Amino acid sequence: MSDPTALPTVEPPAAATSPTSQEELLALALQELQQRRQDLTADIAALEQRREQILKEINTSFSGQSDAIARRVKGFQEYLVGALQELAVAADQIELVVQPMVVQPSPLDQVPSEAPGPAPAPATAGQFSQDDALIRSLLEGFQGQPDFHADPWKLRRTLEPAGAVLLEDWFLLQGGRGAQPSRGSRHRNALVTAAAVAILGDLYGDRFQTLVLAGQPERLGEWRRGLQDCLGLSREDFGPHSGIVLFERAEALIERADRLEERGELPFIVVDAAEPAIATPILQFPLWLAYAAGPGEVVSDDDLT
């Protein structure tokens, strides 16, 4: 039995935490909070940077897709306009083809009754019949895959079948002298003309020069860009002493063509579809191609865009 008189045992209280330990704990907690704050701040900055990058990529991608869609829509629109104009031209094609036949024949086409004299000048009517096989072969080759790396003065674009038919008729039936229906746009007419220049280059080398007549600087600019693109030319190839010369006035073109013939060279004259008439002196030259305008190609100032 326990002694009732014994006093109860009292345990001493636990030692209180010293002020130094509390300050260390607070400092440690504060340090951890500051570290976490720095980590969160860095994460937020990284997320903001990523957000800006994503927004930039979205805007760039949307803009690029919009431009691509706009180009496709414009291309399809030009195709539809060209197709409709071709249908309209086809309806009047008989009249357009007959028109050159009412023009008084050039003296160069007259066959003398006397004994044969010197050889005729290059490209007189009927001369291309001797090159029938070569011309047909070249036209067939032009309708294949485009050769974007071809040498300058060679056709770098694909010629449409309708354009090939037009040139075959102009070379082999009209003898390189006559009007043909416009292809509906100045760009398409430039492509056909570029094919003709490429063929004439194979036939005559550098003995001919192309002279383009279009009544406004804007139209001449479109001709220059079209021929430059289709034949791989540079700006230096367009000028008074170059392979292609551009004219706003028929008088200046005729004067240039006369000087070429005096030097024994061959002028190849191209008349824009927007020209309302063909100057009579042009008809005397052995090589000329006039594009007969379709509906709206003469009246509109924005024609053949």
C-alpha atoms as a PDB file:
ATOM      1  CA  MET A   1       0.000   0.000   0.000  1.00  0.00           C
ATOM      2  CA  SER A   2       1.144   3.518  -0.648  1.00  0.00           C
ATOM      3  CA  ASP A   3       1.875   5.902   2.051  1.00  0.00           C
ATOM      4  CA  PRO A   4      -1.069   8.274   2.383  1.00  0.00           C
ATOM      5  CA  THR A   5       1.146  10.856   3.840  1.00  0.00           C
ATOM      6  CA  ALA A   6       3.471  10.967   0.876  1.00  0.00           C
ATOM      7  CA  LEU A   7       3.299  14.116  -1.282  1.00  0.00           C
ATOM      8  CA  PRO A   8       2.358  13.833  -5.010  1.00  0.00           C
ATOM      9  CA  THR A   9       5.122  14.066  -7.521  1.00  0.00           C
ATOM     10  CA  VAL A  10       4.942  17.236  -9.677  1.00  0.00           C
ATOM     11  CA  GLU A  11       6.633  17.063 -13.156  1.00  0.00           C
ATOM     12  CA  PRO A  12       8.529  20.165 -14.138  1.00  0.00           C
ATOM     13  CA  PRO A  13       6.965  22.175 -17.072  1.00  0.00           C
ATOM     14  CA  ALA A  14       8.491  21.866 -20.547  1.00  0.00           C
ATOM     15  CA  ALA A  15      11.029  24.434 -21.379  1.00  0.00           C
ATOM     16  CA  ALA A  16       9.580  27.346 -23.365  1.00  0.00           C
ATOM     17  CA  THR A  17      10.850  28.006 -26.922  1.00  0.00           C
ATOM     18  CA  SER A  18      13.564  30.569 -26.909  1.00  0.00           C
ATOM     19  CA  PRO A  19      13.132  33.840 -28.847  1.00  0.00           C
ATOM     20  CA  THR A  20      16.106  32.997 -31.043  1.00  0.00           C
ATOM     21  CA  SER A  21      14.485  29.767 -32.296  1.00  0.00           C
ATOM     22  CA  GLN A  22      11.250  31.596 -33.190  1.00  0.00           C
ATOM     23  CA  GLU A  23      13.109  34.188 -35.251  1.00  0.00           C
ATOM     24  CA  GLU A  24      14.939  31.456 -37.137  1.00  0.00           C
ATOM     25  CA  LEU A  25      11.668  29.661 -37.905  1.00  0.00           C
ATOM     26  CA  LEU A  26      10.057  32.890 -39.116  1.00  0.00           C
ATOM     27  CA  ALA A  27      13.073  33.677 -41.263  1.00  0.00           C
ATOM     28  CA  LEU A  28      12.998  30.185 -42.739  1.00  0.00           C
ATOM     29  CA  ALA A  29       9.254  30.406 -43.495  1.00  0.00           C
ATOM     30  CA  LEU A  30       9.696  33.846 -45.026  1.00  0.00           C
ATOM     31  CA  GLN A  31      12.530  32.572 -47.178  1.00  0.00           C
ATOM     32  CA  GLU A  32      10.374  29.692 -48.405  1.00  0.00           C
ATOM     33  CA  LEU A  33       7.527  32.091 -49.220  1.00  0.00           C
ATOM     34  CA  GLN A  34       9.876  34.382 -51.117  1.00  0.00           C
ATOM     35  CA  GLN A  35      11.268  31.445 -53.085  1.00  0.00           C
ATOM     36  CA  ARG A  36       7.773  30.275 -53.959  1.00  0.00           C
ATOM     37  CA  ARG A  37       6.855  33.806 -55.007  1.00  0.00           C
ATOM     38  CA  GLN A  38       9.915  34.003 -57.279  1.00  0.00           C
ATOM     39  CA  ASP A  39       9.050  30.620 -58.801  1.00  0.00           C
ATOM     40  CA  LEU A  40       5.445  31.696 -59.417  1.00  0.00           C
ATOM     41  CA  THR A  41       6.598  34.985 -60.939  1.00  0.00           C
ATOM     42  CA  ALA A  42       8.933  33.128 -63.308  1.00  0.00           C
ATOM     43  CA  ASP A  43       6.146  30.715 -64.268  1.00  0.00           C
ATOM     44  CA  ILE A  44       3.763  33.593 -64.959  1.00  0.00           C
ATOM     45  CA  ALA A  45       6.370  35.364 -67.126  1.00  0.00           C
ATOM     46  CA  ALA A  46       6.976  32.171 -69.106  1.00  0.00           C
ATOM     47  CA  LEU A  47       3.226  31.691 -69.620  1.00  0.00           C
ATOM     48  CA  GLU A  48       2.817  35.304 -70.748  1.00  0.00           C
ATOM     49  CA  GLN A  49       5.654  34.864 -73.259  1.00  0.00           C
ATOM     50  CA  ARG A  50       4.114  31.651 -74.558  1.00  0.00           C
ATOM     51  CA  ARG A  51       0.732  33.373 -74.825  1.00  0.00           C
ATOM     52  CA  GLU A  52       2.214  36.181 -76.937  1.00  0.00           C
ATOM     53  CA  GLN A  53       3.992  33.643 -79.163  1.00  0.00           C
ATOM     54  CA  ILE A  54       0.779  31.662 -79.705  1.00  0.00           C
ATOM     55  CA  LEU A  55      -1.178  34.830 -80.552  1.00  0.00           C
ATOM     56  CA  LYS A  56       1.537  35.851 -83.020  1.00  0.00           C
ATOM     57  CA  GLU A  57       1.490  32.411 -84.673  1.00  0.00           C
ATOM     58  CA  ILE A  58      -2.319  32.498 -84.909  1.00  0.00           C
ATOM     59  CA  ASN A  59      -2.293  35.957 -86.517  1.00  0.00           C
ATOM     60  CA  THR A  60       0.474  34.998 -88.943  1.00  0.00           C
ATOM     61  CA  SER A  61      -1.197  31.738 -89.919  1.00  0.00           C
ATOM     62  CA  PHE A  62      -4.582  33.383 -90.391  1.00  0.00           C
ATOM     63  CA  SER A  63      -3.081  36.182 -92.490  1.00  0.00           C
ATOM     64  CA  GLY A  64      -1.191  33.716 -94.677  1.00  0.00           C
ATOM     65  CA  GLN A  65      -4.273  31.562 -95.189  1.00  0.00           C
ATOM     66  CA  SER A  66      -6.342  34.655 -95.983  1.00  0.00           C
ATOM     67  CA  ASP A  67      -3.825  35.768 -98.620  1.00  0.00           C
ATOM     68  CA  ALA A  68      -3.748  32.287-100.138  1.00  0.00           C
ATOM     69  CA  ILE A  69      -7.541  32.112-100.235  1.00  0.00           C
ATOM     70  CA  ALA A  70      -7.716  35.597-101.771  1.00  0.00           C
ATOM     71  CA  ARG A  71      -5.226  34.621-104.485  1.00  0.00           C
ATOM     72  CA  ARG A  72      -7.163  31.462-105.288  1.00  0.00           C
ATOM     73  CA  VAL A  73     -10.453  33.346-105.452  1.00  0.00           C
ATOM     74  CA  LYS A  74      -8.933  35.997-107.731  1.00  0.00           C
ATOM     75  CA  GLY A  75      -7.408  33.330-109.974  1.00  0.00           C
ATOM     76  CA  PHE A  76     -10.726  31.509-110.249  1.00  0.00           C
ATOM     77  CA  GLN A  77     -12.494  34.792-110.969  1.00  0.00           C
ATOM     78  CA  GLU A  78     -10.064  35.597-113.789  1.00  0.00           C
ATOM     79  CA  TYR A  79     -10.560  32.100-115.180  1.00  0.00           C
ATOM     80  CA  LEU A  80     -14.344  32.514-115.219  1.00  0.00           C
ATOM     81  CA  VAL A  81     -14.121  35.955-116.814  1.00  0.00           C
ATOM     82  CA  GLY A  82     -11.736  34.644-119.459  1.00  0.00           C
ATOM     83  CA  ALA A  83     -13.962  31.642-120.194  1.00  0.00           C
ATOM     84  CA  LEU A  84     -17.031  33.842-120.633  1.00  0.00           C
ATOM     85  CA  GLN A  85     -15.159  36.214-122.897  1.00  0.00           C
ATOM     86  CA  GLU A  86     -13.881  33.306-124.990  1.00  0.00           C
ATOM     87  CA  LEU A  87     -17.457  32.144-125.488  1.00  0.00           C
ATOM     88  CA  ALA A  88     -18.466  35.616-126.586  1.00  0.00           C
ATOM     89  CA  VAL A  89     -15.494  35.867-128.944  1.00  0.00           C
ATOM     90  CA  ALA A  90     -16.239  32.451-130.417  1.00  0.00           C
ATOM     91  CA  ALA A  91     -19.684  33.655-131.444  1.00  0.00           C
ATOM     92  CA  ASP A  92     -18.113  36.484-133.484  1.00  0.00           C
ATOM     93  CA  GLN A  93     -15.038  34.554-134.597  1.00  0.00           C
ATOM     94  CA  ILE A  94     -16.192  34.146-138.191  1.00  0.00           C
ATOM     95  CA  GLU A  95     -16.513  37.884-138.581  1.00  0.00           C
ATOM     96  CA  LEU A  96     -13.172  38.527-136.910  1.00  0.00           C
ATOM     97  CA  VAL A  97     -11.320  36.100-139.145  1.00  0.00           C
ATOM     98  CA  VAL A  98     -12.920  37.489-142.294  1.00  0.00           C
ATOM     99  CA  GLN A  99     -11.941  41.088-141.529  1.00  0.00           C
ATOM    100  CA  PRO A 100      -8.279  40.829-142.637  1.00  0.00           C
ATOM    101  CA  MET A 101      -9.425  39.476-145.997  1.00  0.00           C
ATOM    102  CA  VAL A 102     -11.036  42.790-146.987  1.00  0.00           C
ATOM    103  CA  VAL A 103      -7.739  44.644-146.551  1.00  0.00           C
ATOM    104  CA  GLN A 104      -5.900  45.451-149.738  1.00  0.00           C
ATOM    105  CA  PRO A 105      -3.113  42.872-150.158  1.00  0.00           C
ATOM    106  CA  SER A 106       0.407  44.025-149.447  1.00  0.00           C
ATOM    107  CA  PRO A 107       2.747  44.450-152.407  1.00  0.00           C
ATOM    108  CA  LEU A 108       4.997  41.947-150.684  1.00  0.00           C
ATOM    109  CA  ASP A 109       2.363  39.272-151.362  1.00  0.00           C
ATOM    110  CA  GLN A 110       2.222  39.861-155.114  1.00  0.00           C
ATOM    111  CA  VAL A 111       3.781  37.100-157.208  1.00  0.00           C
ATOM    112  CA  PRO A 112       5.511  38.521-160.322  1.00  0.00           C
ATOM    113  CA  SER A 113       4.619  36.957-163.659  1.00  0.00           C
ATOM    114  CA  GLU A 114       8.179  37.266-164.944  1.00  0.00           C
ATOM    115  CA  ALA A 115      10.961  34.810-164.329  1.00  0.00           C
ATOM    116  CA  PRO A 116      11.832  34.194-160.681  1.00  0.00           C
ATOM    117  CA  GLY A 117      13.948  36.976-159.220  1.00  0.00           C
ATOM    118  CA  PRO A 118      15.911  37.152-155.973  1.00  0.00           C
ATOM    119  CA  ALA A 119      14.738  35.190-152.976  1.00  0.00           C
ATOM    120  CA  PRO A 120      11.808  36.913-151.160  1.00  0.00           C
ATOM    121  CA  ALA A 121      12.318  38.620-147.807  1.00  0.00           C
ATOM    122  CA  PRO A 122      11.845  36.413-144.748  1.00  0.00           C
ATOM    123  CA  ALA A 123       8.317  35.835-143.460  1.00  0.00           C
ATOM    124  CA  THR A 124       6.396  36.776-146.620  1.00  0.00           C
ATOM    125  CA  ALA A 125       3.002  35.106-146.957  1.00  0.00           C
ATOM    126  CA  GLY A 126       3.338  31.384-147.513  1.00  0.00           C
ATOM    127  CA  GLN A 127       6.932  31.299-146.319  1.00  0.00           C
ATOM    128  CA  PHE A 128       6.034  29.427-143.147  1.00  0.00           C
ATOM    129  CA  SER A 129       4.648  26.502-145.115  1.00  0.00           C
ATOM    130  CA  GLN A 130       8.231  25.309-145.469  1.00  0.00           C
ATOM    131  CA  ASP A 131       8.519  25.210-141.676  1.00  0.00           C
ATOM    132  CA  ASP A 132       5.199  23.451-141.086  1.00  0.00           C
ATOM    133  CA  ALA A 133       6.675  20.485-139.190  1.00  0.00           C
ATOM    134  CA  LEU A 134       8.929  22.610-136.985  1.00  0.00           C
ATOM    135  CA  ILE A 135       6.151  25.060-136.056  1.00  0.00           C
ATOM    136  CA  ARG A 136       3.700  22.289-135.194  1.00  0.00           C
ATOM    137  CA  SER A 137       6.357  20.509-133.132  1.00  0.00           C
ATOM    138  CA  LEU A 138       7.191  23.660-131.182  1.00  0.00           C
ATOM    139  CA  LEU A 139       3.520  24.431-130.529  1.00  0.00           C
ATOM    140  CA  GLU A 140       2.985  20.910-129.265  1.00  0.00           C
ATOM    141  CA  GLY A 141       5.994  21.203-126.958  1.00  0.00           C
ATOM    142  CA  PHE A 142       4.767  24.531-125.579  1.00  0.00           C
ATOM    143  CA  GLN A 143       1.629  22.799-124.286  1.00  0.00           C
ATOM    144  CA  GLY A 144       3.598  20.500-121.960  1.00  0.00           C
ATOM    145  CA  GLN A 145       5.042  21.237-118.548  1.00  0.00           C
ATOM    146  CA  PRO A 146       6.437  24.778-118.187  1.00  0.00           C
ATOM    147  CA  ASP A 147      10.215  25.150-118.222  1.00  0.00           C
ATOM    148  CA  PHE A 148      10.839  27.867-115.625  1.00  0.00           C
ATOM    149  CA  HIS A 149      14.628  27.576-116.067  1.00  0.00           C
ATOM    150  CA  ALA A 150      14.717  27.842-119.859  1.00  0.00           C
ATOM    151  CA  ASP A 151      17.183  30.209-121.496  1.00  0.00           C
ATOM    152  CA  PRO A 152      16.052  33.800-122.160  1.00  0.00           C
ATOM    153  CA  TRP A 153      13.870  34.220-125.254  1.00  0.00           C
ATOM    154  CA  LYS A 154      12.551  30.658-124.810  1.00  0.00           C
ATOM    155  CA  LEU A 155       8.965  30.116-123.629  1.00  0.00           C
ATOM    156  CA  ARG A 156       8.887  29.407-119.901  1.00  0.00           C
ATOM    157  CA  ARG A 157       5.122  29.052-119.495  1.00  0.00           C
ATOM    158  CA  THR A 158       2.564  26.516-120.700  1.00  0.00           C
ATOM    159  CA  LEU A 159       0.655  27.568-123.815  1.00  0.00           C
ATOM    160  CA  GLU A 160      -3.061  26.799-123.688  1.00  0.00           C
ATOM    161  CA  PRO A 161      -4.499  24.660-126.514  1.00  0.00           C
ATOM    162  CA  ALA A 162      -6.614  27.584-127.745  1.00  0.00           C
ATOM    163  CA  GLY A 163      -3.497  29.737-127.955  1.00  0.00           C
ATOM    164  CA  ALA A 164      -1.687  27.015-129.907  1.00  0.00           C
ATOM    165  CA  VAL A 165      -4.582  26.806-132.385  1.00  0.00           C
ATOM    166  CA  LEU A 166      -4.474  30.604-132.769  1.00  0.00           C
ATOM    167  CA  LEU A 167      -0.746  30.594-133.572  1.00  0.00           C
ATOM    168  CA  GLU A 168      -1.011  27.627-135.923  1.00  0.00           C
ATOM    169  CA  ASP A 169      -3.671  29.510-137.890  1.00  0.00           C
ATOM    170  CA  TRP A 170      -1.613  32.717-137.861  1.00  0.00           C
ATOM    171  CA  PHE A 171       1.637  31.053-138.980  1.00  0.00           C
ATOM    172  CA  LEU A 172       0.379  28.484-141.474  1.00  0.00           C
ATOM    173  CA  LEU A 173      -2.880  29.933-142.831  1.00  0.00           C
ATOM    174  CA  GLN A 174      -2.264  33.678-142.616  1.00  0.00           C
ATOM    175  CA  GLY A 175       1.458  33.500-143.325  1.00  0.00           C
ATOM    176  CA  GLY A 176       2.316  35.588-140.250  1.00  0.00           C
ATOM    177  CA  ARG A 177       0.113  38.526-141.266  1.00  0.00           C
ATOM    178  CA  GLY A 178      -3.378  38.970-139.872  1.00  0.00           C
ATOM    179  CA  ALA A 179      -5.748  39.557-136.986  1.00  0.00           C
ATOM    180  CA  GLN A 180      -6.683  36.956-134.423  1.00  0.00           C
ATOM    181  CA  PRO A 181      -9.318  37.082-131.664  1.00  0.00           C
ATOM    182  CA  SER A 182      -8.042  38.282-128.317  1.00  0.00           C
ATOM    183  CA  ARG A 183      -7.579  35.619-125.648  1.00  0.00           C
ATOM    184  CA  GLY A 184      -9.634  37.734-123.250  1.00  0.00           C
ATOM    185  CA  SER A 185      -6.840  39.324-121.214  1.00  0.00           C
ATOM    186  CA  ARG A 186      -3.609  41.118-121.941  1.00  0.00           C
ATOM    187  CA  HIS A 187      -1.692  38.522-119.933  1.00  0.00           C
ATOM    188  CA  ARG A 188      -2.979  35.715-122.180  1.00  0.00           C
ATOM    189  CA  ASN A 189      -2.245  37.730-125.310  1.00  0.00           C
ATOM    190  CA  ALA A 190       1.295  38.312-124.023  1.00  0.00           C
ATOM    191  CA  LEU A 191       1.689  34.557-123.499  1.00  0.00           C
ATOM    192  CA  VAL A 192       0.613  33.840-127.091  1.00  0.00           C
ATOM    193  CA  THR A 193       2.914  36.591-128.369  1.00  0.00           C
ATOM    194  CA  ALA A 194       5.808  35.183-126.323  1.00  0.00           C
ATOM    195  CA  ALA A 195       5.267  31.797-127.972  1.00  0.00           C
ATOM    196  CA  ALA A 196       5.345  33.483-131.394  1.00  0.00           C
ATOM    197  CA  VAL A 197       8.582  35.293-130.471  1.00  0.00           C
ATOM    198  CA  ALA A 198      10.142  32.012-129.332  1.00  0.00           C
ATOM    199  CA  ILE A 199       9.214  30.335-132.653  1.00  0.00           C
ATOM    200  CA  LEU A 200      10.471  33.273-134.721  1.00  0.00           C
ATOM    201  CA  GLY A 201      13.699  33.150-132.733  1.00  0.00           C
ATOM    202  CA  ASP A 202      14.196  29.516-133.755  1.00  0.00           C
ATOM    203  CA  LEU A 203      13.432  30.414-137.381  1.00  0.00           C
ATOM    204  CA  TYR A 204      15.331  33.700-137.801  1.00  0.00           C
ATOM    205  CA  GLY A 205      17.667  34.016-134.822  1.00  0.00           C
ATOM    206  CA  ASP A 206      18.284  37.677-133.970  1.00  0.00           C
ATOM    207  CA  ARG A 207      17.359  38.993-137.422  1.00  0.00           C
ATOM    208  CA  PHE A 208      13.975  40.282-136.223  1.00  0.00           C
ATOM    209  CA  GLN A 209      12.746  42.713-133.581  1.00  0.00           C
ATOM    210  CA  THR A 210       9.374  42.747-131.823  1.00  0.00           C
ATOM    211  CA  LEU A 211       7.434  46.040-131.833  1.00  0.00           C
ATOM    212  CA  VAL A 212       4.380  46.274-129.547  1.00  0.00           C
ATOM    213  CA  LEU A 213       1.731  48.984-130.021  1.00  0.00           C
ATOM    214  CA  ALA A 214      -0.546  49.832-127.072  1.00  0.00           C
ATOM    215  CA  GLY A 215      -2.003  53.315-126.640  1.00  0.00           C
ATOM    216  CA  GLN A 216      -1.434  53.834-122.912  1.00  0.00           C
ATOM    217  CA  PRO A 217       1.585  53.474-120.580  1.00  0.00           C
ATOM    218  CA  GLU A 218      -0.388  51.183-118.280  1.00  0.00           C
ATOM    219  CA  ARG A 219      -1.088  48.773-121.132  1.00  0.00           C
ATOM    220  CA  LEU A 220       2.536  48.853-122.245  1.00  0.00           C
ATOM    221  CA  GLY A 221       3.552  48.098-118.668  1.00  0.00           C
ATOM    222  CA  GLU A 222       1.346  44.998-118.688  1.00  0.00           C
ATOM    223  CA  TRP A 223       2.864  43.898-121.996  1.00  0.00           C
ATOM    224  CA  ARG A 224       6.382  44.352-120.641  1.00  0.00           C
ATOM    225  CA  ARG A 225       5.652  42.375-117.478  1.00  0.00           C
ATOM    226  CA  GLY A 226       3.881  39.605-119.411  1.00  0.00           C
ATOM    227  CA  LEU A 227       6.628  39.145-122.013  1.00  0.00           C
ATOM    228  CA  GLN A 228       9.345  39.485-119.392  1.00  0.00           C
ATOM    229  CA  ASP A 229       7.771  36.705-117.329  1.00  0.00           C
ATOM    230  CA  CYS A 230       7.007  34.360-120.237  1.00  0.00           C
ATOM    231  CA  LEU A 231      10.394  34.728-121.953  1.00  0.00           C
ATOM    232  CA  GLY A 232      12.676  35.143-118.907  1.00  0.00           C
ATOM    233  CA  LEU A 233      13.774  38.652-119.936  1.00  0.00           C
ATOM    234  CA  SER A 234      15.108  41.623-117.977  1.00  0.00           C
ATOM    235  CA  ARG A 235      14.395  45.343-118.244  1.00  0.00           C
ATOM    236  CA  GLU A 236      17.459  45.736-120.467  1.00  0.00           C
ATOM    237  CA  ASP A 237      15.680  43.643-123.131  1.00  0.00           C
ATOM    238  CA  PHE A 238      13.090  46.426-123.599  1.00  0.00           C
ATOM    239  CA  GLY A 239      14.341  49.560-125.290  1.00  0.00           C
ATOM    240  CA  PRO A 240      15.096  51.300-128.603  1.00  0.00           C
ATOM    241  CA  HIS A 241      17.995  48.974-129.419  1.00  0.00           C
ATOM    242  CA  SER A 242      16.784  45.808-127.702  1.00  0.00           C
ATOM    243  CA  GLY A 243      14.787  42.795-128.752  1.00  0.00           C
ATOM    244  CA  ILE A 244      11.378  44.272-127.816  1.00  0.00           C
ATOM    245  CA  VAL A 245      10.332  47.909-128.268  1.00  0.00           C
ATOM    246  CA  LEU A 246       7.085  49.334-126.846  1.00  0.00           C
ATOM    247  CA  PHE A 247       5.142  52.144-128.574  1.00  0.00           C
ATOM    248  CA  GLU A 248       2.200  54.359-127.641  1.00  0.00           C
ATOM    249  CA  ARG A 249       1.849  55.852-131.159  1.00  0.00           C
ATOM    250  CA  ALA A 250       1.552  54.007-134.442  1.00  0.00           C
ATOM    251  CA  GLU A 251       3.616  56.659-136.275  1.00  0.00           C
ATOM    252  CA  ALA A 252       6.692  56.001-134.139  1.00  0.00           C
ATOM    253  CA  LEU A 253       6.298  52.243-134.567  1.00  0.00           C
ATOM    254  CA  ILE A 254       6.023  52.525-138.350  1.00  0.00           C
ATOM    255  CA  GLU A 255       9.126  54.713-138.486  1.00  0.00           C
ATOM    256  CA  ARG A 256      11.052  52.149-136.432  1.00  0.00           C
ATOM    257  CA  ALA A 257       9.838  49.275-138.656  1.00  0.00           C
ATOM    258  CA  ASP A 258      10.965  51.161-141.784  1.00  0.00           C
ATOM    259  CA  ARG A 259      14.466  51.641-140.335  1.00  0.00           C
ATOM    260  CA  LEU A 260      14.671  47.933-139.473  1.00  0.00           C
ATOM    261  CA  GLU A 261      13.800  46.941-143.033  1.00  0.00           C
ATOM    262  CA  GLU A 262      16.370  49.394-144.392  1.00  0.00           C
ATOM    263  CA  ARG A 263      19.012  47.553-142.339  1.00  0.00           C
ATOM    264  CA  GLY A 264      17.819  44.191-143.655  1.00  0.00           C
ATOM    265  CA  GLU A 265      16.117  43.205-140.399  1.00  0.00           C
ATOM    266  CA  LEU A 266      12.584  41.939-139.899  1.00  0.00           C
ATOM    267  CA  PRO A 267      10.036  43.831-137.748  1.00  0.00           C
ATOM    268  CA  PHE A 268       7.421  41.736-135.932  1.00  0.00           C
ATOM    269  CA  ILE A 269       4.527  44.097-135.115  1.00  0.00           C
ATOM    270  CA  VAL A 270       2.017  43.279-132.358  1.00  0.00           C
ATOM    271  CA  VAL A 271      -1.122  45.421-131.953  1.00  0.00           C
ATOM    272  CA  ASP A 272      -2.916  45.468-128.602  1.00  0.00           C
ATOM    273  CA  ALA A 273      -6.588  44.470-128.506  1.00  0.00           C
ATOM    274  CA  ALA A 274      -7.550  47.855-127.021  1.00  0.00           C
ATOM    275  CA  GLU A 275      -6.426  49.700-130.156  1.00  0.00           C
ATOM    276  CA  PRO A 276      -9.603  50.849-131.967  1.00  0.00           C
ATOM    277  CA  ALA A 277      -8.070  50.529-135.463  1.00  0.00           C
ATOM    278  CA  ILE A 278      -4.954  49.401-137.290  1.00  0.00           C
ATOM    279  CA  ALA A 279      -2.953  52.054-139.105  1.00  0.00           C
ATOM    280  CA  THR A 280      -2.879  51.235-142.811  1.00  0.00           C
ATOM    281  CA  PRO A 281       0.955  51.453-143.159  1.00  0.00           C
ATOM    282  CA  ILE A 282       1.281  48.596-140.657  1.00  0.00           C
ATOM    283  CA  LEU A 283      -0.405  46.275-143.152  1.00  0.00           C
ATOM    284  CA  GLN A 284       2.507  46.591-145.594  1.00  0.00           C
ATOM    285  CA  PHE A 285       4.977  44.867-143.285  1.00  0.00           C
ATOM    286  CA  PRO A 286       5.562  41.112-143.634  1.00  0.00           C
ATOM    287  CA  LEU A 287       4.975  40.209-139.954  1.00  0.00           C
ATOM    288  CA  TRP A 288       2.095  41.633-137.917  1.00  0.00           C
ATOM    289  CA  LEU A 289      -0.320  40.191-135.399  1.00  0.00           C
ATOM    290  CA  ALA A 290      -3.322  42.254-134.325  1.00  0.00           C
ATOM    291  CA  TYR A 291      -5.572  41.071-131.504  1.00  0.00           C
ATOM    292  CA  ALA A 292      -9.250  41.674-132.259  1.00  0.00           C
ATOM    293  CA  ALA A 293     -10.954  42.846-129.089  1.00  0.00           C
ATOM    294  CA  GLY A 294     -13.773  40.943-127.467  1.00  0.00           C
ATOM    295  CA  PRO A 295     -16.742  42.537-125.687  1.00  0.00           C
ATOM    296  CA  GLY A 296     -15.626  45.389-123.432  1.00  0.00           C
ATOM    297  CA  GLU A 297     -11.927  45.206-124.295  1.00  0.00           C
ATOM    298  CA  VAL A 298     -11.846  48.508-126.182  1.00  0.00           C
ATOM    299  CA  VAL A 299     -14.251  50.629-124.146  1.00  0.00           C
ATOM    300  CA  SER A 300     -13.041  49.883-120.606  1.00  0.00           C
ATOM    301  CA  ASP A 301      -9.989  51.737-119.286  1.00  0.00           C
ATOM    302  CA  ASP A 302      -9.320  48.793-116.979  1.00  0.00           C
ATOM    303  CA  ASP A 303      -9.521  46.230-119.753  1.00  0.00           C
ATOM    304  CA  LEU A 304      -7.337  43.140-119.966  1.00  0.00           C
ATOM    305  CA  THR A 305      -6.162  43.245-116.341  1.00  0.00           C
END
